[in-house]
N, C-alpha and C. Protein backbone atom coordinates (compact mmCIF):
# COMPACT_ATOMS: atom_id res chain seq x y z
N MET A 1 42.93 115.07 65.55
CA MET A 1 42.05 116.09 65.94
C MET A 1 40.64 115.71 65.76
N ARG A 2 39.81 115.87 66.84
CA ARG A 2 38.36 115.42 66.72
C ARG A 2 37.56 116.54 66.04
N ARG A 3 36.53 116.11 65.34
CA ARG A 3 35.66 117.09 64.63
C ARG A 3 34.22 116.49 64.62
N LEU A 4 33.21 117.41 64.41
CA LEU A 4 31.86 116.95 64.38
C LEU A 4 31.34 117.21 63.02
N PRO A 5 31.32 116.20 62.10
CA PRO A 5 30.89 116.44 60.75
C PRO A 5 29.34 116.77 60.61
N SER A 6 29.04 117.61 59.77
CA SER A 6 27.65 117.93 59.44
C SER A 6 26.72 118.34 60.58
N LEU A 7 27.40 119.04 61.50
CA LEU A 7 26.60 119.39 62.73
C LEU A 7 25.53 120.46 62.40
N ALA A 8 25.80 121.31 61.39
CA ALA A 8 24.75 122.37 61.00
C ALA A 8 23.57 121.72 60.55
N LEU A 9 23.68 120.75 59.65
CA LEU A 9 22.52 120.02 59.10
C LEU A 9 21.85 119.24 60.19
N ALA A 10 22.58 118.58 60.97
CA ALA A 10 22.02 117.79 62.13
C ALA A 10 21.24 118.62 62.98
N ALA A 11 21.80 119.90 63.32
CA ALA A 11 21.04 120.82 64.25
C ALA A 11 19.79 121.25 63.69
N LEU A 12 19.76 121.64 62.27
CA LEU A 12 18.56 122.04 61.71
C LEU A 12 17.50 120.97 61.74
N ALA A 13 17.91 119.68 61.36
CA ALA A 13 16.97 118.66 61.44
C ALA A 13 16.36 118.38 62.73
N TRP A 14 17.24 118.38 63.78
CA TRP A 14 16.78 118.20 65.08
C TRP A 14 15.82 119.37 65.54
N ALA A 15 16.22 120.60 65.26
CA ALA A 15 15.34 121.72 65.74
C ALA A 15 14.07 121.66 65.01
N GLY A 16 13.98 121.31 63.87
CA GLY A 16 12.67 121.16 63.06
C GLY A 16 11.80 120.17 63.84
N ALA A 17 12.38 119.03 64.15
CA ALA A 17 11.56 117.96 64.80
C ALA A 17 11.11 118.49 66.15
N VAL A 18 11.90 119.15 66.86
CA VAL A 18 11.49 119.55 68.17
C VAL A 18 10.35 120.55 68.15
N HIS A 19 10.46 121.49 67.16
CA HIS A 19 9.54 122.54 67.03
C HIS A 19 8.20 121.98 66.58
N ALA A 20 8.27 120.93 65.74
CA ALA A 20 7.03 120.14 65.24
C ALA A 20 6.23 119.57 66.32
N GLN A 21 7.02 119.14 67.42
CA GLN A 21 6.45 118.53 68.58
C GLN A 21 6.06 119.46 69.57
N GLY A 22 6.62 120.73 69.54
CA GLY A 22 6.29 121.76 70.51
C GLY A 22 6.95 121.29 71.87
N VAL A 23 8.04 120.72 71.87
CA VAL A 23 8.77 120.29 73.18
C VAL A 23 10.06 121.00 73.24
N PRO A 24 10.10 122.10 74.10
CA PRO A 24 11.39 122.88 74.30
C PRO A 24 12.39 122.01 74.92
N LEU A 25 13.69 122.43 74.80
CA LEU A 25 14.80 121.85 75.39
C LEU A 25 14.92 122.16 76.83
N PRO A 26 15.36 121.15 77.77
CA PRO A 26 15.44 121.48 79.12
C PRO A 26 16.85 122.07 79.39
N ALA A 27 17.73 122.16 78.41
CA ALA A 27 19.06 122.70 78.44
C ALA A 27 19.49 123.35 77.18
N PRO A 28 20.36 124.26 77.04
CA PRO A 28 20.72 124.76 75.75
C PRO A 28 21.37 123.71 74.86
N GLU A 29 21.17 123.83 73.71
CA GLU A 29 21.55 122.76 72.67
C GLU A 29 23.08 122.82 72.66
N ALA A 30 23.84 123.85 72.79
CA ALA A 30 25.28 123.91 72.74
C ALA A 30 25.77 123.13 73.96
N SER A 31 25.18 123.39 75.10
CA SER A 31 25.66 122.71 76.21
C SER A 31 25.57 121.19 76.16
N LEU A 32 24.45 120.67 75.60
CA LEU A 32 24.22 119.29 75.44
C LEU A 32 25.22 118.71 74.50
N ARG A 33 25.50 119.41 73.33
CA ARG A 33 26.59 118.92 72.36
C ARG A 33 27.91 118.92 73.10
N ALA A 34 28.19 119.97 73.75
CA ALA A 34 29.58 120.06 74.36
C ALA A 34 29.76 119.02 75.45
N PHE A 35 28.75 118.69 76.21
CA PHE A 35 28.83 117.73 77.28
C PHE A 35 29.06 116.27 76.63
N LEU A 36 28.28 115.98 75.57
CA LEU A 36 28.54 114.66 74.84
C LEU A 36 29.89 114.61 74.35
N SER A 37 30.32 115.69 73.69
CA SER A 37 31.69 115.62 73.15
C SER A 37 32.75 115.35 74.16
N GLN A 38 32.63 115.99 75.32
CA GLN A 38 33.52 115.82 76.33
C GLN A 38 33.51 114.29 76.92
N GLN A 39 32.29 113.78 76.96
CA GLN A 39 32.19 112.35 77.49
C GLN A 39 32.84 111.40 76.46
N VAL A 40 32.67 111.57 75.29
CA VAL A 40 33.24 110.72 74.19
C VAL A 40 34.74 110.88 74.15
N ALA A 41 35.22 112.04 74.26
CA ALA A 41 36.75 112.20 74.25
C ALA A 41 37.42 111.66 75.45
N ALA A 42 36.68 111.75 76.63
CA ALA A 42 37.34 111.10 77.85
C ALA A 42 37.11 109.57 78.02
N ALA A 43 36.25 109.16 77.21
CA ALA A 43 35.93 107.63 77.30
C ALA A 43 36.89 106.75 76.65
N SER A 44 37.44 107.21 75.40
CA SER A 44 38.30 106.44 74.71
C SER A 44 39.31 107.27 73.80
N PRO A 45 40.59 107.16 74.24
CA PRO A 45 41.61 107.96 73.38
C PRO A 45 41.76 107.38 71.99
N GLN A 46 41.29 106.21 71.81
CA GLN A 46 41.43 105.61 70.36
C GLN A 46 40.51 106.26 69.29
N ILE A 47 39.48 106.96 69.86
CA ILE A 47 38.48 107.62 68.87
C ILE A 47 39.17 108.70 68.13
N THR A 48 39.12 108.65 66.84
CA THR A 48 39.75 109.76 66.03
C THR A 48 38.74 110.84 65.66
N ARG A 49 37.49 110.43 65.57
CA ARG A 49 36.47 111.46 65.22
C ARG A 49 35.09 110.91 65.61
N PHE A 50 34.15 111.83 65.83
CA PHE A 50 32.83 111.47 66.26
C PHE A 50 31.83 112.44 65.65
N ASP A 51 30.61 112.07 65.66
CA ASP A 51 29.46 112.84 65.15
C ASP A 51 28.30 112.76 66.11
N VAL A 52 27.80 113.92 66.65
CA VAL A 52 26.75 113.99 67.58
C VAL A 52 25.51 114.46 66.97
N GLN A 53 24.47 113.81 67.10
CA GLN A 53 23.17 114.12 66.53
C GLN A 53 22.09 114.09 67.66
N LEU A 54 21.50 115.28 68.11
CA LEU A 54 20.45 115.27 69.12
C LEU A 54 19.23 114.87 68.38
N LEU A 55 18.36 114.13 69.18
CA LEU A 55 17.11 113.57 68.55
C LEU A 55 15.92 114.11 69.24
N PRO A 56 14.71 114.14 68.69
CA PRO A 56 13.53 114.67 69.18
C PRO A 56 13.20 113.99 70.51
N ILE A 57 12.83 114.88 71.41
CA ILE A 57 12.40 114.40 72.82
C ILE A 57 10.93 114.17 72.92
N ALA A 58 10.48 113.26 73.78
CA ALA A 58 9.09 112.88 73.79
C ALA A 58 8.23 114.04 74.40
N ALA A 59 7.01 114.06 74.05
CA ALA A 59 6.17 115.05 74.64
C ALA A 59 5.98 114.95 76.18
N ARG A 60 5.82 115.93 76.97
CA ARG A 60 5.84 115.95 78.41
C ARG A 60 5.20 117.19 78.89
N ALA A 61 4.79 117.23 80.24
CA ALA A 61 4.19 118.40 80.89
C ALA A 61 5.30 119.46 80.88
N GLU A 62 4.75 120.69 80.97
CA GLU A 62 5.65 121.82 81.00
C GLU A 62 6.46 121.77 82.34
N LEU A 63 7.81 122.02 82.21
CA LEU A 63 8.58 121.98 83.34
C LEU A 63 8.51 123.32 84.12
N ALA A 64 8.71 123.03 85.50
CA ALA A 64 8.69 124.20 86.44
C ALA A 64 10.04 124.99 86.13
N PRO A 65 9.94 126.32 86.34
CA PRO A 65 11.10 127.20 86.16
C PRO A 65 12.39 126.72 86.97
N CYS A 66 13.41 126.73 86.36
CA CYS A 66 14.67 126.15 87.13
C CYS A 66 15.82 127.19 86.96
N GLY A 67 16.43 127.55 88.09
CA GLY A 67 17.58 128.46 88.18
C GLY A 67 18.85 127.91 87.60
N ARG A 68 19.20 126.61 87.83
CA ARG A 68 20.30 126.01 87.30
C ARG A 68 20.11 124.55 87.24
N THR A 69 20.69 124.02 86.02
CA THR A 69 20.58 122.56 85.70
C THR A 69 22.03 122.01 85.66
N GLU A 70 22.14 120.80 85.82
CA GLU A 70 23.34 119.94 85.59
C GLU A 70 23.10 118.84 84.73
N LEU A 71 24.11 118.57 83.86
CA LEU A 71 23.98 117.40 82.90
C LEU A 71 24.80 116.23 83.43
N PHE A 72 24.26 114.98 83.09
CA PHE A 72 24.85 113.72 83.56
C PHE A 72 24.53 112.76 82.54
N MET A 73 25.34 111.57 82.65
CA MET A 73 25.14 110.38 81.83
C MET A 73 24.56 109.31 82.86
N PRO A 74 23.50 108.69 82.36
CA PRO A 74 23.02 107.65 83.22
C PRO A 74 24.09 106.58 83.63
N ALA A 75 23.92 106.03 84.82
CA ALA A 75 25.03 105.12 85.29
C ALA A 75 25.20 104.01 84.37
N GLY A 76 26.53 103.65 84.05
CA GLY A 76 26.87 102.54 83.29
C GLY A 76 26.73 102.74 81.79
N ALA A 77 26.18 103.84 81.29
CA ALA A 77 26.00 104.09 79.86
C ALA A 77 27.22 104.55 79.25
N ARG A 78 27.55 103.98 78.13
CA ARG A 78 28.78 104.52 77.25
C ARG A 78 28.28 105.65 76.49
N PRO A 79 29.05 106.65 76.19
CA PRO A 79 28.69 107.86 75.53
C PRO A 79 28.62 107.84 73.99
N TRP A 80 28.34 106.64 73.38
CA TRP A 80 28.18 106.55 71.88
C TRP A 80 27.12 105.57 71.60
N GLY A 81 26.67 105.55 70.31
CA GLY A 81 25.50 104.70 69.90
C GLY A 81 24.25 105.60 70.27
N ARG A 82 23.16 104.85 70.57
CA ARG A 82 21.95 105.56 71.11
C ARG A 82 22.15 105.79 72.55
N VAL A 83 22.21 107.02 72.86
CA VAL A 83 22.39 107.52 74.29
C VAL A 83 21.37 108.46 74.69
N ALA A 84 21.43 108.85 76.01
CA ALA A 84 20.52 109.79 76.56
C ALA A 84 21.25 110.68 77.50
N VAL A 85 21.17 111.98 77.43
CA VAL A 85 21.86 112.91 78.38
C VAL A 85 20.80 113.20 79.36
N GLY A 86 21.18 113.12 80.60
CA GLY A 86 20.23 113.49 81.68
C GLY A 86 20.42 115.01 81.96
N VAL A 87 19.30 115.71 82.18
CA VAL A 87 19.25 117.10 82.63
C VAL A 87 18.55 117.15 83.92
N ARG A 88 19.25 117.64 84.89
CA ARG A 88 18.62 117.63 86.27
C ARG A 88 18.52 119.08 86.83
N CYS A 89 17.46 119.45 87.29
CA CYS A 89 17.31 120.87 87.84
C CYS A 89 17.75 120.73 89.33
N VAL A 90 18.76 121.60 89.58
CA VAL A 90 19.35 121.63 90.96
C VAL A 90 19.07 122.94 91.71
N GLU A 91 18.33 123.72 91.09
CA GLU A 91 18.02 125.03 91.85
C GLU A 91 16.63 125.56 91.37
N GLY A 92 15.64 125.59 92.16
CA GLY A 92 14.39 126.20 91.90
C GLY A 92 13.30 125.14 91.66
N ALA A 93 13.62 123.98 91.33
CA ALA A 93 12.66 122.99 91.01
C ALA A 93 13.28 121.47 91.22
N ALA A 94 12.47 120.46 91.08
CA ALA A 94 12.96 119.21 91.24
C ALA A 94 12.48 118.27 90.14
N TRP A 95 13.11 118.38 88.93
CA TRP A 95 12.72 117.54 87.84
C TRP A 95 14.03 117.00 87.10
N THR A 96 13.87 115.89 86.39
CA THR A 96 14.95 115.28 85.64
C THR A 96 14.31 114.98 84.28
N VAL A 97 15.12 115.26 83.15
CA VAL A 97 14.64 115.00 81.80
C VAL A 97 15.74 114.28 81.09
N LEU A 98 15.54 113.23 80.31
CA LEU A 98 16.53 112.55 79.54
C LEU A 98 16.36 113.02 78.04
N VAL A 99 17.44 113.50 77.42
CA VAL A 99 17.45 113.96 76.04
C VAL A 99 18.11 112.98 75.15
N PRO A 100 17.38 112.32 74.28
CA PRO A 100 18.04 111.25 73.48
C PRO A 100 18.91 111.90 72.41
N ALA A 101 20.01 111.06 72.12
CA ALA A 101 21.02 111.47 71.07
C ALA A 101 21.58 110.23 70.32
N SER A 102 22.18 110.49 69.26
CA SER A 102 22.83 109.41 68.41
C SER A 102 24.30 109.85 68.30
N VAL A 103 25.27 109.04 68.74
CA VAL A 103 26.66 109.46 68.68
C VAL A 103 27.42 108.35 67.90
N ARG A 104 27.94 108.73 66.79
CA ARG A 104 28.74 107.78 65.91
C ARG A 104 30.20 108.18 66.24
N THR A 105 31.09 107.09 66.41
CA THR A 105 32.44 107.23 66.57
C THR A 105 33.20 106.45 65.51
N TRP A 106 34.43 106.92 65.30
CA TRP A 106 35.39 106.32 64.37
C TRP A 106 36.83 106.12 65.01
N GLY A 107 37.54 105.14 64.70
CA GLY A 107 38.82 104.94 65.22
C GLY A 107 39.59 104.01 64.35
N VAL A 108 40.95 103.92 64.61
CA VAL A 108 41.88 103.10 63.81
C VAL A 108 41.78 101.73 64.48
N ALA A 109 41.60 100.71 63.53
CA ALA A 109 41.59 99.27 63.93
C ALA A 109 42.32 98.44 63.00
N LEU A 110 42.72 97.19 63.41
CA LEU A 110 43.27 96.19 62.45
C LEU A 110 42.21 95.63 61.62
N VAL A 111 42.39 95.53 60.29
CA VAL A 111 41.40 94.88 59.36
C VAL A 111 42.34 93.89 58.51
N ALA A 112 41.61 92.82 58.07
CA ALA A 112 42.31 91.79 57.29
C ALA A 112 42.74 92.37 55.87
N ALA A 113 43.98 92.28 55.56
CA ALA A 113 44.50 92.74 54.34
C ALA A 113 44.13 91.85 53.12
N ALA A 114 43.81 90.59 53.39
CA ALA A 114 43.43 89.59 52.41
C ALA A 114 42.43 88.59 52.98
N PRO A 115 41.96 87.65 52.28
CA PRO A 115 41.10 86.59 52.89
C PRO A 115 41.91 85.72 53.72
N LEU A 116 41.49 85.48 55.01
CA LEU A 116 42.12 84.68 55.95
C LEU A 116 41.28 83.61 56.37
N ALA A 117 41.81 82.27 56.17
CA ALA A 117 41.08 81.00 56.47
C ALA A 117 40.93 80.85 57.94
N ALA A 118 39.91 80.06 58.34
CA ALA A 118 39.83 79.58 59.75
C ALA A 118 41.09 78.70 60.12
N GLY A 119 41.65 78.87 61.27
CA GLY A 119 42.84 78.17 61.69
C GLY A 119 44.14 78.83 61.26
N ALA A 120 44.09 79.97 60.45
CA ALA A 120 45.33 80.54 60.06
C ALA A 120 45.84 81.36 61.21
N VAL A 121 47.15 81.45 61.24
CA VAL A 121 47.85 82.22 62.28
C VAL A 121 48.31 83.56 61.70
N PRO A 122 47.56 84.68 61.77
CA PRO A 122 47.78 85.89 61.10
C PRO A 122 49.07 86.63 61.65
N GLY A 123 49.77 87.21 60.74
CA GLY A 123 50.95 87.98 61.08
C GLY A 123 50.82 89.46 60.77
N PRO A 124 51.72 90.27 61.05
CA PRO A 124 51.64 91.72 60.64
C PRO A 124 51.35 91.89 59.18
N GLU A 125 51.88 90.97 58.28
CA GLU A 125 51.70 91.24 56.89
C GLU A 125 50.27 90.76 56.47
N ASP A 126 49.44 90.20 57.25
CA ASP A 126 48.09 89.82 56.94
C ASP A 126 47.05 90.88 57.28
N VAL A 127 47.50 91.85 57.99
CA VAL A 127 46.58 92.91 58.45
C VAL A 127 47.06 94.32 58.08
N ARG A 128 46.16 95.27 58.10
CA ARG A 128 46.49 96.78 57.96
C ARG A 128 45.68 97.58 58.94
N GLU A 129 46.16 98.72 59.18
CA GLU A 129 45.35 99.69 59.98
C GLU A 129 44.37 100.57 59.11
N GLN A 130 43.24 100.67 59.58
CA GLN A 130 42.12 101.34 58.80
C GLN A 130 41.18 102.01 59.77
N GLU A 131 40.72 103.17 59.45
CA GLU A 131 39.70 103.78 60.20
C GLU A 131 38.30 103.12 60.05
N VAL A 132 37.71 102.75 61.11
CA VAL A 132 36.39 102.00 61.00
C VAL A 132 35.46 102.71 61.96
N GLU A 133 34.15 102.58 61.61
CA GLU A 133 33.14 103.13 62.51
C GLU A 133 32.96 102.09 63.73
N LEU A 134 33.49 102.58 64.90
CA LEU A 134 33.51 101.76 66.11
C LEU A 134 32.06 101.48 66.62
N THR A 135 31.09 102.45 66.39
CA THR A 135 29.71 102.14 66.97
C THR A 135 29.05 100.99 66.15
N ARG A 136 29.54 100.58 65.09
CA ARG A 136 29.11 99.42 64.32
C ARG A 136 29.76 98.11 64.70
N GLU A 137 30.73 98.15 65.59
CA GLU A 137 31.56 96.99 66.04
C GLU A 137 31.42 96.79 67.52
N PRO A 138 31.63 95.54 67.99
CA PRO A 138 31.71 95.20 69.40
C PRO A 138 32.90 96.05 70.02
N ALA A 139 33.03 96.09 71.31
CA ALA A 139 33.97 96.73 71.92
C ALA A 139 35.45 96.25 71.87
N ASN A 140 35.52 94.91 71.33
CA ASN A 140 36.92 94.28 71.43
C ASN A 140 37.59 94.22 70.10
N VAL A 141 37.44 95.31 69.29
CA VAL A 141 38.23 95.41 68.09
C VAL A 141 39.69 95.47 68.47
N LEU A 142 40.52 94.86 67.60
CA LEU A 142 42.05 94.90 67.94
C LEU A 142 42.57 96.16 67.16
N ARG A 143 43.65 96.66 67.79
CA ARG A 143 44.35 97.88 67.29
C ARG A 143 45.86 97.60 67.26
N ASP A 144 46.31 96.57 67.95
CA ASP A 144 47.81 96.39 67.82
C ASP A 144 48.16 94.98 67.33
N ALA A 145 49.08 94.99 66.31
CA ALA A 145 49.42 93.64 65.71
C ALA A 145 49.95 92.76 66.73
N ALA A 146 50.60 93.17 67.87
CA ALA A 146 51.14 92.42 68.81
C ALA A 146 50.17 91.39 69.51
N SER A 147 48.89 91.86 69.42
CA SER A 147 47.83 91.04 70.04
C SER A 147 47.51 89.80 69.20
N LEU A 148 48.10 89.67 67.97
CA LEU A 148 47.92 88.49 67.15
C LEU A 148 48.91 87.38 67.51
N GLN A 149 49.98 87.76 68.20
CA GLN A 149 50.97 86.73 68.44
C GLN A 149 50.54 85.50 69.25
N GLY A 150 50.80 84.33 68.73
CA GLY A 150 50.36 83.13 69.39
C GLY A 150 48.91 82.82 69.20
N ARG A 151 48.19 83.48 68.27
CA ARG A 151 46.73 83.33 68.13
C ARG A 151 46.43 82.81 66.76
N SER A 152 45.44 81.91 66.67
CA SER A 152 44.97 81.55 65.39
C SER A 152 43.49 81.95 65.23
N LEU A 153 42.94 82.02 63.96
CA LEU A 153 41.59 82.41 63.76
C LEU A 153 40.55 81.31 63.92
N ALA A 154 39.55 81.73 64.62
CA ALA A 154 38.46 80.68 64.95
C ALA A 154 37.55 80.59 63.76
N ARG A 155 37.55 81.47 62.94
CA ARG A 155 36.72 81.48 61.65
C ARG A 155 37.29 82.34 60.60
N ALA A 156 36.82 82.10 59.35
CA ALA A 156 37.46 82.81 58.17
C ALA A 156 37.02 84.38 58.36
N VAL A 157 37.88 85.16 57.77
CA VAL A 157 37.81 86.64 57.82
C VAL A 157 37.92 87.09 56.45
N PHE A 158 37.05 87.99 55.91
CA PHE A 158 37.08 88.55 54.54
C PHE A 158 38.01 89.76 54.54
N PRO A 159 38.48 90.28 53.41
CA PRO A 159 39.36 91.35 53.29
C PRO A 159 38.53 92.67 53.85
N GLY A 160 39.26 93.50 54.56
CA GLY A 160 38.67 94.69 55.10
C GLY A 160 37.88 94.49 56.38
N GLN A 161 37.64 93.30 56.87
CA GLN A 161 36.80 93.01 58.08
C GLN A 161 37.62 93.34 59.24
N PRO A 162 37.23 94.16 60.17
CA PRO A 162 37.93 94.42 61.40
C PRO A 162 38.23 93.09 62.21
N LEU A 163 39.37 92.92 62.91
CA LEU A 163 39.59 91.82 63.65
C LEU A 163 39.24 92.10 65.07
N ARG A 164 38.65 91.12 65.74
CA ARG A 164 38.23 91.30 67.10
C ARG A 164 38.88 90.20 67.92
N ALA A 165 38.98 90.42 69.30
CA ALA A 165 39.55 89.50 70.14
C ALA A 165 38.76 88.17 70.12
N ASP A 166 37.48 88.16 70.06
CA ASP A 166 36.71 86.97 70.03
C ASP A 166 36.85 86.00 68.81
N MET A 167 37.60 86.68 67.71
CA MET A 167 37.76 85.84 66.49
C MET A 167 39.12 84.96 66.70
N LEU A 168 39.91 85.15 67.73
CA LEU A 168 41.13 84.49 67.99
C LEU A 168 41.07 83.49 69.11
N ARG A 169 41.97 82.45 68.89
CA ARG A 169 42.09 81.55 69.92
C ARG A 169 43.60 81.33 70.22
N VAL A 170 43.93 80.93 71.35
CA VAL A 170 45.45 80.57 71.66
C VAL A 170 45.87 79.38 70.87
N VAL A 171 47.01 79.40 70.10
CA VAL A 171 47.67 78.31 69.42
C VAL A 171 48.15 77.34 70.59
N GLN A 172 47.80 76.11 70.50
CA GLN A 172 48.29 75.12 71.50
C GLN A 172 49.69 74.72 71.12
N VAL A 173 50.63 74.97 71.94
CA VAL A 173 52.06 74.57 71.80
C VAL A 173 52.28 73.27 72.46
N VAL A 174 51.38 72.74 73.35
CA VAL A 174 51.54 71.49 74.01
C VAL A 174 50.08 70.87 74.08
N GLN A 175 50.14 69.67 73.50
CA GLN A 175 48.71 68.97 73.61
C GLN A 175 48.83 67.74 74.57
N ALA A 176 47.64 67.44 75.20
CA ALA A 176 47.64 66.36 76.18
C ALA A 176 48.17 65.11 75.57
N GLY A 177 49.07 64.41 76.22
CA GLY A 177 49.66 63.27 75.62
C GLY A 177 51.04 63.40 74.93
N ASP A 178 51.42 64.75 74.70
CA ASP A 178 52.62 65.03 73.99
C ASP A 178 53.83 64.69 74.91
N PRO A 179 54.87 64.12 74.38
CA PRO A 179 56.15 63.99 75.13
C PRO A 179 56.77 65.43 75.19
N VAL A 180 57.23 65.89 76.40
CA VAL A 180 57.71 67.22 76.47
C VAL A 180 59.04 67.24 77.34
N ARG A 181 59.73 68.33 77.02
CA ARG A 181 61.05 68.50 77.62
C ARG A 181 60.81 69.45 78.89
N LEU A 182 61.35 69.08 79.92
CA LEU A 182 61.20 69.84 81.21
C LEU A 182 62.30 70.62 81.45
N ARG A 183 62.15 71.85 81.88
CA ARG A 183 63.23 72.74 82.39
C ARG A 183 62.84 73.04 83.89
N ILE A 184 63.49 72.37 84.80
CA ILE A 184 63.08 72.52 86.16
C ILE A 184 64.14 73.29 86.81
N ALA A 185 63.68 74.41 87.53
CA ALA A 185 64.56 75.30 88.26
C ALA A 185 64.02 75.43 89.67
N GLY A 186 65.05 75.61 90.64
CA GLY A 186 64.75 75.82 91.96
C GLY A 186 65.80 76.59 92.65
N ALA A 187 65.85 76.64 93.97
CA ALA A 187 66.84 77.50 94.74
C ALA A 187 68.17 76.87 94.50
N GLY A 188 69.00 77.45 93.66
CA GLY A 188 70.38 77.13 93.44
C GLY A 188 70.58 75.87 92.47
N PHE A 189 69.55 75.48 91.87
CA PHE A 189 69.77 74.38 90.81
C PHE A 189 68.89 74.57 89.58
N SER A 190 69.24 73.86 88.59
CA SER A 190 68.35 73.88 87.36
C SER A 190 68.75 72.54 86.54
N VAL A 191 67.66 71.70 86.26
CA VAL A 191 67.92 70.36 85.60
C VAL A 191 67.03 70.29 84.47
N ASN A 192 67.34 69.45 83.52
CA ASN A 192 66.43 69.18 82.41
C ASN A 192 65.98 67.67 82.57
N ALA A 193 64.67 67.36 82.17
CA ALA A 193 64.13 66.18 82.23
C ALA A 193 63.09 65.94 81.10
N THR A 194 62.39 64.84 81.09
CA THR A 194 61.45 64.60 80.10
C THR A 194 60.20 64.11 80.84
N GLY A 195 59.10 64.20 80.09
CA GLY A 195 57.77 63.79 80.70
C GLY A 195 56.68 63.63 79.64
N GLN A 196 55.51 63.53 80.11
CA GLN A 196 54.38 63.57 79.24
C GLN A 196 53.27 64.70 79.73
N ALA A 197 52.81 65.43 78.73
CA ALA A 197 51.80 66.39 79.13
C ALA A 197 50.57 65.71 79.46
N LEU A 198 49.89 66.20 80.52
CA LEU A 198 48.52 65.69 80.92
C LEU A 198 47.49 66.57 80.55
N THR A 199 47.83 67.86 80.25
CA THR A 199 46.82 68.82 79.68
C THR A 199 47.45 69.71 78.58
N ALA A 200 46.63 70.28 77.88
CA ALA A 200 47.05 71.14 76.76
C ALA A 200 47.25 72.58 77.16
N GLY A 201 48.03 73.36 76.46
CA GLY A 201 48.08 74.77 76.64
C GLY A 201 48.83 75.48 75.65
N GLY A 202 48.59 76.91 75.52
CA GLY A 202 49.26 77.68 74.64
C GLY A 202 50.47 78.25 75.27
N ASP A 203 51.25 79.02 74.57
CA ASP A 203 52.55 79.59 75.10
C ASP A 203 52.22 80.42 76.23
N GLY A 204 52.84 80.21 77.43
CA GLY A 204 52.58 81.09 78.61
C GLY A 204 51.44 80.52 79.46
N GLN A 205 50.76 79.46 79.09
CA GLN A 205 49.60 78.93 79.83
C GLN A 205 50.11 77.80 80.64
N THR A 206 49.45 77.53 81.87
CA THR A 206 49.79 76.58 82.76
C THR A 206 49.34 75.05 82.26
N VAL A 207 50.17 74.21 82.34
CA VAL A 207 49.89 72.70 82.00
C VAL A 207 50.42 71.81 83.15
N ARG A 208 49.82 70.67 83.16
CA ARG A 208 50.37 69.67 84.13
C ARG A 208 50.99 68.46 83.31
N VAL A 209 52.19 68.14 84.01
CA VAL A 209 53.02 67.05 83.30
C VAL A 209 53.47 66.01 84.23
N ARG A 210 53.44 64.76 83.81
CA ARG A 210 53.91 63.67 84.55
C ARG A 210 55.34 63.29 84.10
N THR A 211 56.25 63.35 84.96
CA THR A 211 57.69 63.04 84.71
C THR A 211 57.93 61.38 84.42
N ASP A 212 58.97 61.27 83.95
CA ASP A 212 59.28 59.76 83.66
C ASP A 212 59.35 58.96 84.95
N PHE A 213 59.49 59.55 86.09
CA PHE A 213 59.51 58.99 87.50
C PHE A 213 58.10 58.95 88.07
N GLY A 214 57.12 59.40 87.29
CA GLY A 214 55.77 59.30 87.78
C GLY A 214 55.28 60.52 88.63
N LYS A 215 56.06 61.42 88.85
CA LYS A 215 55.72 62.59 89.58
C LYS A 215 54.92 63.62 88.75
N VAL A 216 53.80 64.23 89.21
CA VAL A 216 53.04 65.20 88.42
C VAL A 216 53.49 66.58 88.82
N LEU A 217 53.90 67.30 87.97
CA LEU A 217 54.29 68.79 88.07
C LEU A 217 53.41 69.74 87.33
N THR A 218 53.40 71.00 87.77
CA THR A 218 52.79 71.97 87.08
C THR A 218 53.76 73.06 86.59
N GLY A 219 53.69 73.44 85.23
CA GLY A 219 54.59 74.29 84.68
C GLY A 219 53.91 75.20 83.59
N VAL A 220 54.75 76.04 83.00
CA VAL A 220 54.32 76.92 81.89
C VAL A 220 54.76 76.39 80.66
N ALA A 221 53.76 76.29 79.68
CA ALA A 221 54.06 75.79 78.32
C ALA A 221 54.80 76.80 77.59
N ARG A 222 55.79 76.35 76.80
CA ARG A 222 56.52 77.17 75.79
C ARG A 222 56.58 76.45 74.47
N ASP A 223 56.77 77.23 73.44
CA ASP A 223 56.86 76.74 71.98
C ASP A 223 57.88 75.61 71.95
N GLY A 224 57.61 74.66 71.11
CA GLY A 224 58.61 73.60 70.98
C GLY A 224 58.31 72.35 71.93
N ARG A 225 57.14 72.31 72.59
CA ARG A 225 56.89 71.24 73.48
C ARG A 225 57.84 71.35 74.64
N VAL A 226 58.05 72.48 75.25
CA VAL A 226 58.86 72.73 76.37
C VAL A 226 57.91 73.23 77.59
N VAL A 227 58.27 72.66 78.78
CA VAL A 227 57.49 73.12 79.88
C VAL A 227 58.47 73.53 81.00
N GLU A 228 58.34 74.86 81.36
CA GLU A 228 59.16 75.33 82.50
C GLU A 228 58.54 75.18 83.85
N VAL A 229 59.25 74.59 84.71
CA VAL A 229 58.79 74.32 86.15
C VAL A 229 59.64 74.89 87.22
N VAL A 230 59.05 75.70 88.03
CA VAL A 230 59.81 76.39 89.12
C VAL A 230 59.31 75.77 90.43
N LEU A 231 60.32 75.19 91.14
CA LEU A 231 60.07 74.55 92.46
C LEU A 231 60.38 75.42 93.60
């Protein structure tokens, strides 16, 4: 269940700042908060909770009377971090105002359960789920231990550090120059052969292999220096 911690204090702080500047809101505060909350909830189901704080708006000329306004997010903007809610008059005048806000989000992610060295291949026992502030992390934090399969760490990770996709690299199951076993399949036949890898690859990646008869084939690398070729 999502909640908005400390909204009362945030609202009082924001209202005081706005009054100090003498800049009225172009839309009701409750509408702005509700709109941002809806945007956050729709943007990511992984978010467990969030906090919305409206910020003081810049001084501006008095706005013309407006019969009806609509709220919008600027194109391409994500609804957390430092954001701005657009308020557009659609009846009685023609003006648009951006209201700044700060939205913090939290969600469950994988973090290291112990120190992990560069080059280590982490397993489910090396990580744990923990709620982290997503607005302090890049967008590629990992949430599923299955995403660790066949991956090694590109750098060391300290305990409690969230794991991200850019921290991992594919474990090479075939190296260029390796002798490999070929499993060749085609319409109505299947044979085994041997060859030499010409390129490296991780499990499931495409590699090129030269057979003992000199023919170059392209196949899929598998663990154990196996390459599957479909003709």
